[in-house]
Structures are given as C-alpha cells and as structure tokens.
Amino acid sequence: MKNIILIGLLGAVLTGCISYRTDGDHNRQEVNSVRAGVTTADWLQDNLGAPKSVRKTGKGSEIWHYQFSEKEKTHVSLFLIFSVSNENEQSSDYYFEIADGVVESFWQD
C-alpha cells in the first residue's frame, strides 16, 4: 500500500507540460498552388494579398516580392524541477514574374 501511495505522489510531482504554438503568415501554403503560365496576378492578390514590393523589368514584366514569416514557440516544463522555452522565427522571400497578367515564373530566395 505504501508503494502505491509513493508512486502516486512521485507521478504527481513529476507531472510535466509541453506546449507548442505556431504564429505567422498562413498564405505561404498557397504558394504551392501557383503554376507558371496559368496562375493570374489577380489570383496572387486574392490569395496572397498585396506584394511587399513591385519592380519593373527591362522587358516590360513586373517582379512581385512577397515575404512570409512564421514564429514557432515551444515550452516544456517538469513540475517544480525545470522549465525550458524556445522561440524560432523563419522568414521566406518569394518572387513572381508577371507578364500580361499571368505568372511567367516564380522562385524562392
């Protein structure tokens, strides 16, 4: 009986908690749907929003720049013994060359 109580108390003392959270732009998943020669500039704006910047090229097309960021937070704690938190932020740049209202090419930097 003593061992069962001791194991129960030990389990209660060592109870831990792990939490995980991701915040950021969820539009970056939409980039996987882009197809050169098919996807329109209107689709980009409807699904990705306004570009961060637009640059004209010498051949008359435009380069649209999008930047997406994602922040990941992890917290692990073991009741009254230790607690660890980690935060990681990742940023991705995507470029789309638009000619005549259609995505001609795109790449990630």
PDB file of N, CA and C in Angstrom:
ATOM      1  N   MET A   1       0.825  -1.194   0.000  1.00  0.00           N
ATOM      2  CA  MET A   1       0.000   0.000   0.000  1.00  0.00           C
ATOM      3  C   MET A   1       0.870   1.258   0.000  1.00  0.00           C
ATOM      4  N   LYS A   2       1.942   1.205   0.794  1.00  0.00           N
ATOM      5  CA  LYS A   2       2.860   2.341   0.857  1.00  0.00           C
ATOM      6  C   LYS A   2       3.484   2.637  -0.510  1.00  0.00           C
ATOM      7  N   ASN A   3       3.823   1.558  -1.232  1.00  0.00           N
ATOM      8  CA  ASN A   3       4.452   1.733  -2.550  1.00  0.00           C
ATOM      9  C   ASN A   3       3.491   2.393  -3.534  1.00  0.00           C
ATOM     10  N   ILE A   4       2.226   2.061  -3.482  1.00  0.00           N
ATOM     11  CA  ILE A   4       1.241   2.647  -4.384  1.00  0.00           C
ATOM     12  C   ILE A   4       1.095   4.137  -4.098  1.00  0.00           C
ATOM     13  N   ILE A   5       1.044   4.507  -2.842  1.00  0.00           N
ATOM     14  CA  ILE A   5       0.946   5.926  -2.478  1.00  0.00           C
ATOM     15  C   ILE A   5       2.203   6.665  -2.910  1.00  0.00           C
ATOM     16  N   LEU A   6       3.364   6.060  -2.697  1.00  0.00           N
ATOM     17  CA  LEU A   6       4.637   6.680  -3.086  1.00  0.00           C
ATOM     18  C   LEU A   6       4.704   6.880  -4.604  1.00  0.00           C
ATOM     19  N   ILE A   7       4.290   5.893  -5.363  1.00  0.00           N
ATOM     20  CA  ILE A   7       4.288   6.004  -6.824  1.00  0.00           C
ATOM     21  C   ILE A   7       3.312   7.083  -7.265  1.00  0.00           C
ATOM     22  N   GLY A   8       2.159   7.167  -6.629  1.00  0.00           N
ATOM     23  CA  GLY A   8       1.184   8.213  -6.954  1.00  0.00           C
ATOM     24  C   GLY A   8       1.722   9.593  -6.673  1.00  0.00           C
ATOM     25  N   LEU A   9       2.361   9.778  -5.537  1.00  0.00           N
ATOM     26  CA  LEU A   9       2.956  11.074  -5.192  1.00  0.00           C
ATOM     27  C   LEU A   9       4.090  11.434  -6.154  1.00  0.00           C
ATOM     28  N   LEU A  10       4.926  10.451  -6.474  1.00  0.00           N
ATOM     29  CA  LEU A  10       6.033  10.694  -7.398  1.00  0.00           C
ATOM     30  C   LEU A  10       5.490  11.089  -8.779  1.00  0.00           C
ATOM     31  N   GLY A  11       4.456  10.434  -9.243  1.00  0.00           N
ATOM     32  CA  GLY A  11       3.834  10.773 -10.522  1.00  0.00           C
ATOM     33  C   GLY A  11       3.275  12.180 -10.515  1.00  0.00           C
ATOM     34  N   ALA A  12       2.652  12.588  -9.413  1.00  0.00           N
ATOM     35  CA  ALA A  12       2.097  13.937  -9.307  1.00  0.00           C
ATOM     36  C   ALA A  12       3.192  14.990  -9.315  1.00  0.00           C
ATOM     37  N   VAL A  13       4.312  14.705  -8.651  1.00  0.00           N
ATOM     38  CA  VAL A  13       5.426  15.657  -8.577  1.00  0.00           C
ATOM     39  C   VAL A  13       6.105  15.807  -9.930  1.00  0.00           C
ATOM     40  N   LEU A  14       6.205  14.725 -10.671  1.00  0.00           N
ATOM     41  CA  LEU A  14       6.925  14.759 -11.946  1.00  0.00           C
ATOM     42  C   LEU A  14       6.028  15.065 -13.143  1.00  0.00           C
ATOM     43  N   THR A  15       4.804  15.444 -12.896  1.00  0.00           N
ATOM     44  CA  THR A  15       3.899  15.785 -13.988  1.00  0.00           C
ATOM     45  C   THR A  15       4.476  16.952 -14.773  1.00  0.00           C
ATOM     46  N   GLY A  16       4.522  16.814 -16.079  1.00  0.00           N
ATOM     47  CA  GLY A  16       5.101  17.855 -16.924  1.00  0.00           C
ATOM     48  C   GLY A  16       4.082  18.424 -17.886  1.00  0.00           C
ATOM     49  N   CYS A  17       4.533  19.410 -18.599  1.00  0.00           N
ATOM     50  CA  CYS A  17       3.653  20.066 -19.560  1.00  0.00           C
ATOM     51  C   CYS A  17       4.488  20.455 -20.774  1.00  0.00           C
ATOM     52  N   ILE A  18       3.970  20.145 -21.953  1.00  0.00           N
ATOM     53  CA  ILE A  18       4.615  20.552 -23.196  1.00  0.00           C
ATOM     54  C   ILE A  18       3.586  21.337 -24.001  1.00  0.00           C
ATOM     55  N   SER A  19       3.966  22.529 -24.427  1.00  0.00           N
ATOM     56  CA  SER A  19       3.070  23.298 -25.283  1.00  0.00           C
ATOM     57  C   SER A  19       3.824  23.725 -26.534  1.00  0.00           C
ATOM     58  N   TYR A  20       3.090  23.803 -27.637  1.00  0.00           N
ATOM     59  CA  TYR A  20       3.674  24.144 -28.932  1.00  0.00           C
ATOM     60  C   TYR A  20       2.712  25.087 -29.630  1.00  0.00           C
ATOM     61  N   ARG A  21       3.257  26.162 -30.194  1.00  0.00           N
ATOM     62  CA  ARG A  21       2.407  27.148 -30.857  1.00  0.00           C
ATOM     63  C   ARG A  21       3.135  27.705 -32.069  1.00  0.00           C
ATOM     64  N   THR A  22       2.398  27.854 -33.171  1.00  0.00           N
ATOM     65  CA  THR A  22       2.950  28.449 -34.388  1.00  0.00           C
ATOM     66  C   THR A  22       2.104  29.647 -34.771  1.00  0.00           C
ATOM     67  N   ASP A  23       2.749  30.783 -34.975  1.00  0.00           N
ATOM     68  CA  ASP A  23       2.079  32.002 -35.419  1.00  0.00           C
ATOM     69  C   ASP A  23       2.756  32.472 -36.694  1.00  0.00           C
ATOM     70  N   GLY A  24       2.012  33.151 -37.530  1.00  0.00           N
ATOM     71  CA  GLY A  24       2.625  33.733 -38.712  1.00  0.00           C
ATOM     72  C   GLY A  24       1.694  33.743 -39.894  1.00  0.00           C
ATOM     73  N   ASP A  25       2.291  33.934 -41.063  1.00  0.00           N
ATOM     74  CA  ASP A  25       1.543  34.022 -42.310  1.00  0.00           C
ATOM     75  C   ASP A  25       1.177  32.621 -42.789  1.00  0.00           C
ATOM     76  N   HIS A  26      -0.095  32.398 -42.933  1.00  0.00           N
ATOM     77  CA  HIS A  26      -0.536  31.104 -43.432  1.00  0.00           C
ATOM     78  C   HIS A  26      -0.664  31.123 -44.951  1.00  0.00           C
ATOM     79  N   ASN A  27      -0.469  32.280 -45.557  1.00  0.00           N
ATOM     80  CA  ASN A  27      -0.550  32.408 -47.018  1.00  0.00           C
ATOM     81  C   ASN A  27       0.582  31.677 -47.717  1.00  0.00           C
ATOM     82  N   ARG A  28       1.669  31.433 -47.015  1.00  0.00           N
ATOM     83  CA  ARG A  28       2.810  30.791 -47.668  1.00  0.00           C
ATOM     84  C   ARG A  28       2.437  29.405 -48.175  1.00  0.00           C
ATOM     85  N   GLN A  29       1.417  28.768 -47.598  1.00  0.00           N
ATOM     86  CA  GLN A  29       0.954  27.465 -48.075  1.00  0.00           C
ATOM     87  C   GLN A  29       0.292  27.588 -49.451  1.00  0.00           C
ATOM     88  N   GLU A  30      -0.275  28.753 -49.731  1.00  0.00           N
ATOM     89  CA  GLU A  30      -0.941  28.989 -51.016  1.00  0.00           C
ATOM     90  C   GLU A  30       0.058  29.020 -52.175  1.00  0.00           C
ATOM     91  N   VAL A  31       1.316  29.287 -51.894  1.00  0.00           N
ATOM     92  CA  VAL A  31       2.336  29.369 -52.941  1.00  0.00           C
ATOM     93  C   VAL A  31       2.433  28.037 -53.689  1.00  0.00           C
ATOM     94  N   ASN A  32       2.160  26.935 -53.005  1.00  0.00           N
ATOM     95  CA  ASN A  32       2.226  25.618 -53.652  1.00  0.00           C
ATOM     96  C   ASN A  32       1.205  25.462 -54.770  1.00  0.00           C
ATOM     97  N   SER A  33       0.186  26.308 -54.800  1.00  0.00           N
ATOM     98  CA  SER A  33      -0.842  26.241 -55.840  1.00  0.00           C
ATOM     99  C   SER A  33      -0.484  27.030 -57.095  1.00  0.00           C
ATOM    100  N   VAL A  34       0.568  27.832 -57.037  1.00  0.00           N
ATOM    101  CA  VAL A  34       0.946  28.690 -58.171  1.00  0.00           C
ATOM    102  C   VAL A  34       1.533  27.837 -59.301  1.00  0.00           C
ATOM    103  N   ARG A  35       1.064  28.101 -60.532  1.00  0.00           N
ATOM    104  CA  ARG A  35       1.563  27.411 -61.725  1.00  0.00           C
ATOM    105  C   ARG A  35       1.947  28.453 -62.771  1.00  0.00           C
ATOM    106  N   ALA A  36       3.197  28.376 -63.240  1.00  0.00           N
ATOM    107  CA  ALA A  36       3.671  29.305 -64.274  1.00  0.00           C
ATOM    108  C   ALA A  36       2.828  29.134 -65.537  1.00  0.00           C
ATOM    109  N   GLY A  37       2.433  30.263 -66.118  1.00  0.00           N
ATOM    110  CA  GLY A  37       1.643  30.262 -67.334  1.00  0.00           C
ATOM    111  C   GLY A  37       0.152  30.053 -67.096  1.00  0.00           C
ATOM    112  N   VAL A  38      -0.242  29.780 -65.855  1.00  0.00           N
ATOM    113  CA  VAL A  38      -1.647  29.512 -65.541  1.00  0.00           C
ATOM    114  C   VAL A  38      -2.178  30.486 -64.487  1.00  0.00           C
ATOM    115  N   THR A  39      -1.435  30.652 -63.401  1.00  0.00           N
ATOM    116  CA  THR A  39      -1.871  31.497 -62.290  1.00  0.00           C
ATOM    117  C   THR A  39      -1.857  32.971 -62.699  1.00  0.00           C
ATOM    118  N   THR A  40      -2.930  33.665 -62.363  1.00  0.00           N
ATOM    119  CA  THR A  40      -3.039  35.082 -62.741  1.00  0.00           C
ATOM    120  C   THR A  40      -2.577  35.997 -61.607  1.00  0.00           C
ATOM    121  N   ALA A  41      -2.292  37.240 -61.983  1.00  0.00           N
ATOM    122  CA  ALA A  41      -1.911  38.254 -60.993  1.00  0.00           C
ATOM    123  C   ALA A  41      -3.071  38.505 -60.029  1.00  0.00           C
ATOM    124  N   ASP A  42      -4.295  38.465 -60.540  1.00  0.00           N
ATOM    125  CA  ASP A  42      -5.465  38.640 -59.675  1.00  0.00           C
ATOM    126  C   ASP A  42      -5.540  37.537 -58.622  1.00  0.00           C
ATOM    127  N   TRP A  43      -5.231  36.307 -59.015  1.00  0.00           N
ATOM    128  CA  TRP A  43      -5.245  35.190 -58.068  1.00  0.00           C
ATOM    129  C   TRP A  43      -4.214  35.436 -56.962  1.00  0.00           C
ATOM    130  N   LEU A  44      -3.011  35.893 -57.357  1.00  0.00           N
ATOM    131  CA  LEU A  44      -1.974  36.182 -56.351  1.00  0.00           C
ATOM    132  C   LEU A  44      -2.480  37.195 -55.332  1.00  0.00           C
ATOM    133  N   GLN A  45      -3.073  38.279 -55.808  1.00  0.00           N
ATOM    134  CA  GLN A  45      -3.548  39.304 -54.886  1.00  0.00           C
ATOM    135  C   GLN A  45      -4.703  38.805 -54.026  1.00  0.00           C
ATOM    136  N   ASP A  46      -5.592  38.012 -54.607  1.00  0.00           N
ATOM    137  CA  ASP A  46      -6.718  37.483 -53.836  1.00  0.00           C
ATOM    138  C   ASP A  46      -6.269  36.500 -52.757  1.00  0.00           C
ATOM    139  N   ASN A  47      -5.244  35.696 -53.049  1.00  0.00           N
ATOM    140  CA  ASN A  47      -4.834  34.633 -52.139  1.00  0.00           C
ATOM    141  C   ASN A  47      -3.621  34.953 -51.282  1.00  0.00           C
ATOM    142  N   LEU A  48      -2.734  35.823 -51.775  1.00  0.00           N
ATOM    143  CA  LEU A  48      -1.524  36.168 -51.029  1.00  0.00           C
ATOM    144  C   LEU A  48      -1.533  37.599 -50.510  1.00  0.00           C
ATOM    145  N   GLY A  49      -2.476  38.391 -50.985  1.00  0.00           N
ATOM    146  CA  GLY A  49      -2.524  39.791 -50.579  1.00  0.00           C
ATOM    147  C   GLY A  49      -1.652  40.641 -51.471  1.00  0.00           C
ATOM    148  N   ALA A  50      -1.465  41.867 -51.056  1.00  0.00           N
ATOM    149  CA  ALA A  50      -0.624  42.796 -51.821  1.00  0.00           C
ATOM    150  C   ALA A  50       0.842  42.419 -51.645  1.00  0.00           C
ATOM    151  N   PRO A  51       1.625  42.514 -52.716  1.00  0.00           N
ATOM    152  CA  PRO A  51       3.060  42.209 -52.588  1.00  0.00           C
ATOM    153  C   PRO A  51       3.772  43.246 -51.732  1.00  0.00           C
ATOM    154  N   LYS A  52       4.889  42.827 -51.161  1.00  0.00           N
ATOM    155  CA  LYS A  52       5.711  43.744 -50.359  1.00  0.00           C
ATOM    156  C   LYS A  52       6.319  44.823 -51.248  1.00  0.00           C
ATOM    157  N   SER A  53       6.693  44.429 -52.472  1.00  0.00           N
ATOM    158  CA  SER A  53       7.224  45.395 -53.433  1.00  0.00           C
ATOM    159  C   SER A  53       6.973  44.893 -54.856  1.00  0.00           C
ATOM    160  N   VAL A  54       6.986  45.839 -55.796  1.00  0.00           N
ATOM    161  CA  VAL A  54       6.825  45.537 -57.221  1.00  0.00           C
ATOM    162  C   VAL A  54       7.932  46.269 -57.968  1.00  0.00           C
ATOM    163  N   ARG A  55       8.623  45.534 -58.851  1.00  0.00           N
ATOM    164  CA  ARG A  55       9.715  46.115 -59.624  1.00  0.00           C
ATOM    165  C   ARG A  55       9.496  45.807 -61.103  1.00  0.00           C
ATOM    166  N   LYS A  56       9.645  46.811 -61.953  1.00  0.00           N
ATOM    167  CA  LYS A  56       9.503  46.621 -63.404  1.00  0.00           C
ATOM    168  C   LYS A  56      10.824  46.123 -63.983  1.00  0.00           C
ATOM    169  N   THR A  57      10.707  45.220 -64.964  1.00  0.00           N
ATOM    170  CA  THR A  57      11.902  44.713 -65.631  1.00  0.00           C
ATOM    171  C   THR A  57      12.076  45.424 -66.974  1.00  0.00           C
ATOM    172  N   GLY A  58      13.228  45.232 -67.596  1.00  0.00           N
ATOM    173  CA  GLY A  58      13.520  45.850 -68.886  1.00  0.00           C
ATOM    174  C   GLY A  58      12.655  45.314 -70.015  1.00  0.00           C
ATOM    175  N   LYS A  59      12.120  44.120 -69.856  1.00  0.00           N
ATOM    176  CA  LYS A  59      11.302  43.539 -70.927  1.00  0.00           C
ATOM    177  C   LYS A  59       9.804  43.790 -70.733  1.00  0.00           C
ATOM    178  N   GLY A  60       9.449  44.628 -69.755  1.00  0.00           N
ATOM    179  CA  GLY A  60       8.062  45.029 -69.566  1.00  0.00           C
ATOM    180  C   GLY A  60       7.276  44.219 -68.545  1.00  0.00           C
ATOM    181  N   SER A  61       7.864  43.201 -68.003  1.00  0.00           N
ATOM    182  CA  SER A  61       7.167  42.425 -66.973  1.00  0.00           C
ATOM    183  C   SER A  61       7.407  43.075 -65.603  1.00  0.00           C
ATOM    184  N   GLU A  62       6.771  42.516 -64.583  1.00  0.00           N
ATOM    185  CA  GLU A  62       6.955  43.000 -63.217  1.00  0.00           C
ATOM    186  C   GLU A  62       7.401  41.846 -62.322  1.00  0.00           C
ATOM    187  N   ILE A  63       8.217  42.163 -61.342  1.00  0.00           N
ATOM    188  CA  ILE A  63       8.616  41.195 -60.329  1.00  0.00           C
ATOM    189  C   ILE A  63       7.902  41.577 -59.041  1.00  0.00           C
ATOM    190  N   TRP A  64       7.028  40.685 -58.570  1.00  0.00           N
ATOM    191  CA  TRP A  64       6.316  40.900 -57.313  1.00  0.00           C
ATOM    192  C   TRP A  64       7.039  40.143 -56.212  1.00  0.00           C
ATOM    193  N   HIS A  65       7.324  40.850 -55.120  1.00  0.00           N
ATOM    194  CA  HIS A  65       8.044  40.262 -53.987  1.00  0.00           C
ATOM    195  C   HIS A  65       7.092  40.088 -52.808  1.00  0.00           C
ATOM    196  N   TYR A  66       7.034  38.859 -52.292  1.00  0.00           N
ATOM    197  CA  TYR A  66       6.262  38.560 -51.082  1.00  0.00           C
ATOM    198  C   TYR A  66       7.213  38.034 -50.027  1.00  0.00           C
ATOM    199  N   GLN A  67       6.942  38.386 -48.788  1.00  0.00           N
ATOM    200  CA  GLN A  67       7.744  37.868 -47.675  1.00  0.00           C
ATOM    201  C   GLN A  67       6.793  37.305 -46.619  1.00  0.00           C
ATOM    202  N   PHE A  68       7.025  36.070 -46.247  1.00  0.00           N
ATOM    203  CA  PHE A  68       6.201  35.410 -45.241  1.00  0.00           C
ATOM    204  C   PHE A  68       7.078  35.023 -44.064  1.00  0.00           C
ATOM    205  N   SER A  69       6.548  35.215 -42.864  1.00  0.00           N
ATOM    206  CA  SER A  69       7.303  34.834 -41.681  1.00  0.00           C
ATOM    207  C   SER A  69       6.446  33.933 -40.799  1.00  0.00           C
ATOM    208  N   GLU A  70       7.130  33.115 -40.036  1.00  0.00           N
ATOM    209  CA  GLU A  70       6.466  32.175 -39.145  1.00  0.00           C
ATOM    210  C   GLU A  70       7.264  32.095 -37.850  1.00  0.00           C
ATOM    211  N   LYS A  71       6.568  32.185 -36.735  1.00  0.00           N
ATOM    212  CA  LYS A  71       7.214  32.115 -35.432  1.00  0.00           C
ATOM    213  C   LYS A  71       6.716  30.861 -34.723  1.00  0.00           C
ATOM    214  N   GLU A  72       7.652  30.087 -34.221  1.00  0.00           N
ATOM    215  CA  GLU A  72       7.336  28.833 -33.547  1.00  0.00           C
ATOM    216  C   GLU A  72       7.791  28.939 -32.091  1.00  0.00           C
ATOM    217  N   LYS A  73       6.887  28.655 -31.169  1.00  0.00           N
ATOM    218  CA  LYS A  73       7.206  28.720 -29.746  1.00  0.00           C
ATOM    219  C   LYS A  73       6.968  27.343 -29.126  1.00  0.00           C
ATOM    220  N   THR A  74       7.947  26.859 -28.382  1.00  0.00           N
ATOM    221  CA  THR A  74       7.828  25.582 -27.682  1.00  0.00           C
ATOM    222  C   THR A  74       8.166  25.811 -26.215  1.00  0.00           C
ATOM    223  N   HIS A  75       7.362  25.242 -25.341  1.00  0.00           N
ATOM    224  CA  HIS A  75       7.599  25.370 -23.902  1.00  0.00           C
ATOM    225  C   HIS A  75       7.465  23.986 -23.268  1.00  0.00           C
ATOM    226  N   VAL A  76       8.490  23.579 -22.539  1.00  0.00           N
ATOM    227  CA  VAL A  76       8.482  22.301 -21.838  1.00  0.00           C
ATOM    228  C   VAL A  76       8.769  22.582 -20.371  1.00  0.00           C
ATOM    229  N   SER A  77       7.942  22.028 -19.516  1.00  0.00           N
ATOM    230  CA  SER A  77       8.216  22.195 -18.086  1.00  0.00           C
ATOM    231  C   SER A  77       7.961  20.890 -17.361  1.00  0.00           C
ATOM    232  N   LEU A  78       8.770  20.644 -16.365  1.00  0.00           N
ATOM    233  CA  LEU A  78       8.621  19.499 -15.476  1.00  0.00           C
ATOM    234  C   LEU A  78       8.376  20.078 -14.097  1.00  0.00           C
ATOM    235  N   PHE A  79       7.212  19.855 -13.585  1.00  0.00           N
ATOM    236  CA  PHE A  79       6.710  20.483 -12.355  1.00  0.00           C
ATOM    237  C   PHE A  79       7.802  20.688 -11.302  1.00  0.00           C
ATOM    238  N   LEU A  80       8.047  21.925 -10.960  1.00  0.00           N
ATOM    239  CA  LEU A  80       8.982  22.350  -9.910  1.00  0.00           C
ATOM    240  C   LEU A  80      10.437  21.961 -10.126  1.00  0.00           C
ATOM    241  N   ILE A  81      10.761  21.349 -11.269  1.00  0.00           N
ATOM    242  CA  ILE A  81      12.151  20.946 -11.469  1.00  0.00           C
ATOM    243  C   ILE A  81      12.838  21.833 -12.499  1.00  0.00           C
ATOM    244  N   PHE A  82      12.279  21.933 -13.694  1.00  0.00           N
ATOM    245  CA  PHE A  82      12.852  22.829 -14.694  1.00  0.00           C
ATOM    246  C   PHE A  82      11.801  23.251 -15.708  1.00  0.00           C
ATOM    247  N   SER A  83      12.134  24.303 -16.423  1.00  0.00           N
ATOM    248  CA  SER A  83      11.260  24.837 -17.454  1.00  0.00           C
ATOM    249  C   SER A  83      12.134  25.379 -18.583  1.00  0.00           C
ATOM    250  N   VAL A  84      11.822  25.009 -19.800  1.00  0.00           N
ATOM    251  CA  VAL A  84      12.603  25.448 -20.954  1.00  0.00           C
ATOM    252  C   VAL A  84      11.659  26.007 -22.007  1.00  0.00           C
ATOM    253  N   SER A  85      12.003  27.159 -22.560  1.00  0.00           N
ATOM    254  CA  SER A  85      11.235  27.761 -23.649  1.00  0.00           C
ATOM    255  C   SER A  85      12.153  27.997 -24.833  1.00  0.00           C
ATOM    256  N   ASN A  86      11.629  27.790 -26.017  1.00  0.00           N
ATOM    257  CA  ASN A  86      12.394  28.018 -27.231  1.00  0.00           C
ATOM    258  C   ASN A  86      11.513  28.762 -28.221  1.00  0.00           C
ATOM    259  N   GLU A  87      12.092  29.743 -28.892  1.00  0.00           N
ATOM    260  CA  GLU A  87      11.365  30.516 -29.898  1.00  0.00           C
ATOM    261  C   GLU A  87      12.199  30.563 -31.160  1.00  0.00           C
ATOM    262  N   ASN A  88      11.591  30.223 -32.297  1.00  0.00           N
ATOM    263  CA  ASN A  88      12.282  30.182 -33.568  1.00  0.00           C
ATOM    264  C   ASN A  88      11.458  30.957 -34.593  1.00  0.00           C
ATOM    265  N   GLU A  89      12.095  31.884 -35.299  1.00  0.00           N
ATOM    266  CA  GLU A  89      11.394  32.653 -36.330  1.00  0.00           C
ATOM    267  C   GLU A  89      12.054  32.395 -37.674  1.00  0.00           C
ATOM    268  N   GLN A  90      11.226  32.135 -38.677  1.00  0.00           N
ATOM    269  CA  GLN A  90      11.713  31.841 -40.016  1.00  0.00           C
ATOM    270  C   GLN A  90      11.015  32.761 -41.012  1.00  0.00           C
ATOM    271  N   SER A  91      11.783  33.280 -41.937  1.00  0.00           N
ATOM    272  CA  SER A  91      11.233  34.184 -42.946  1.00  0.00           C
ATOM    273  C   SER A  91      11.606  33.663 -44.332  1.00  0.00           C
ATOM    274  N   SER A  92      10.653  33.733 -45.267  1.00  0.00           N
ATOM    275  CA  SER A  92      10.893  33.276 -46.639  1.00  0.00           C
ATOM    276  C   SER A  92      10.487  34.361 -47.621  1.00  0.00           C
ATOM    277  N   ASP A  93      11.295  34.551 -48.650  1.00  0.00           N
ATOM    278  CA  ASP A  93      11.008  35.517 -49.706  1.00  0.00           C
ATOM    279  C   ASP A  93      10.636  34.769 -50.982  1.00  0.00           C
ATOM    280  N   TYR A  94       9.531  35.187 -51.598  1.00  0.00           N
ATOM    281  CA  TYR A  94       9.070  34.613 -52.861  1.00  0.00           C
ATOM    282  C   TYR A  94       8.967  35.728 -53.893  1.00  0.00           C
ATOM    283  N   TYR A  95       9.357  35.399 -55.117  1.00  0.00           N
ATOM    284  CA  TYR A  95       9.321  36.359 -56.214  1.00  0.00           C
ATOM    285  C   TYR A  95       8.513  35.765 -57.363  1.00  0.00           C
ATOM    286  N   PHE A  96       7.647  36.594 -57.956  1.00  0.00           N
ATOM    287  CA  PHE A  96       6.803  36.178 -59.068  1.00  0.00           C
ATOM    288  C   PHE A  96       7.002  37.154 -60.213  1.00  0.00           C
ATOM    289  N   GLU A  97       7.351  36.640 -61.387  1.00  0.00           N
ATOM    290  CA  GLU A  97       7.456  37.496 -62.568  1.00  0.00           C
ATOM    291  C   GLU A  97       6.114  37.454 -63.284  1.00  0.00           C
ATOM    292  N   ILE A  98       5.495  38.629 -63.412  1.00  0.00           N
ATOM    293  CA  ILE A  98       4.169  38.767 -64.004  1.00  0.00           C
ATOM    294  C   ILE A  98       4.300  39.416 -65.380  1.00  0.00           C
ATOM    295  N   ALA A  99       3.749  38.764 -66.414  1.00  0.00           N
ATOM    296  CA  ALA A  99       3.723  39.323 -67.769  1.00  0.00           C
ATOM    297  C   ALA A  99       2.306  39.157 -68.315  1.00  0.00           C
ATOM    298  N   ASP A 100       1.718  40.240 -68.767  1.00  0.00           N
ATOM    299  CA  ASP A 100       0.349  40.235 -69.307  1.00  0.00           C
ATOM    300  C   ASP A 100      -0.659  39.640 -68.328  1.00  0.00           C
ATOM    301  N   GLY A 101      -0.487  39.922 -67.046  1.00  0.00           N
ATOM    302  CA  GLY A 101      -1.438  39.488 -66.023  1.00  0.00           C
ATOM    303  C   GLY A 101      -1.331  38.035 -65.592  1.00  0.00           C
ATOM    304  N   VAL A 102      -0.276  37.341 -66.049  1.00  0.00           N
ATOM    305  CA  VAL A 102      -0.100  35.923 -65.716  1.00  0.00           C
ATOM    306  C   VAL A 102       1.295  35.709 -65.145  1.00  0.00           C
ATOM    307  N   VAL A 103       1.414  34.781 -64.185  1.00  0.00           N
ATOM    308  CA  VAL A 103       2.724  34.441 -63.613  1.00  0.00           C
ATOM    309  C   VAL A 103       3.540  33.727 -64.669  1.00  0.00           C
ATOM    310  N   GLU A 104       4.650  34.355 -65.055  1.00  0.00           N
ATOM    311  CA  GLU A 104       5.540  33.770 -66.061  1.00  0.00           C
ATOM    312  C   GLU A 104       6.533  32.813 -65.409  1.00  0.00           C
ATOM    313  N   SER A 105       7.054  33.192 -64.249  1.00  0.00           N
ATOM    314  CA  SER A 105       7.962  32.344 -63.486  1.00  0.00           C
ATOM    315  C   SER A 105       7.924  32.791 -62.021  1.00  0.00           C
ATOM    316  N   PHE A 106       8.418  31.933 -61.159  1.00  0.00           N
ATOM    317  CA  PHE A 106       8.488  32.286 -59.730  1.00  0.00           C
ATOM    318  C   PHE A 106       9.585  31.481 -59.059  1.00  0.00           C
ATOM    319  N   TRP A 107      10.093  32.024 -57.973  1.00  0.00           N
ATOM    320  CA  TRP A 107      11.169  31.376 -57.234  1.00  0.00           C
ATOM    321  C   TRP A 107      11.174  31.847 -55.789  1.00  0.00           C
ATOM    322  N   GLN A 108      11.846  31.060 -54.974  1.00  0.00           N
ATOM    323  CA  GLN A 108      12.014  31.386 -53.552  1.00  0.00           C
ATOM    324  C   GLN A 108      13.466  31.717 -53.305  1.00  0.00           C
ATOM    325  N   ASP A 109      13.699  32.727 -52.497  1.00  0.00           N
ATOM    326  CA  ASP A 109      15.066  33.128 -52.163  1.00  0.00           C
ATOM    327  C   ASP A 109      15.286  32.951 -50.678  1.00  0.00           C
TER     328      ASP A 109
END
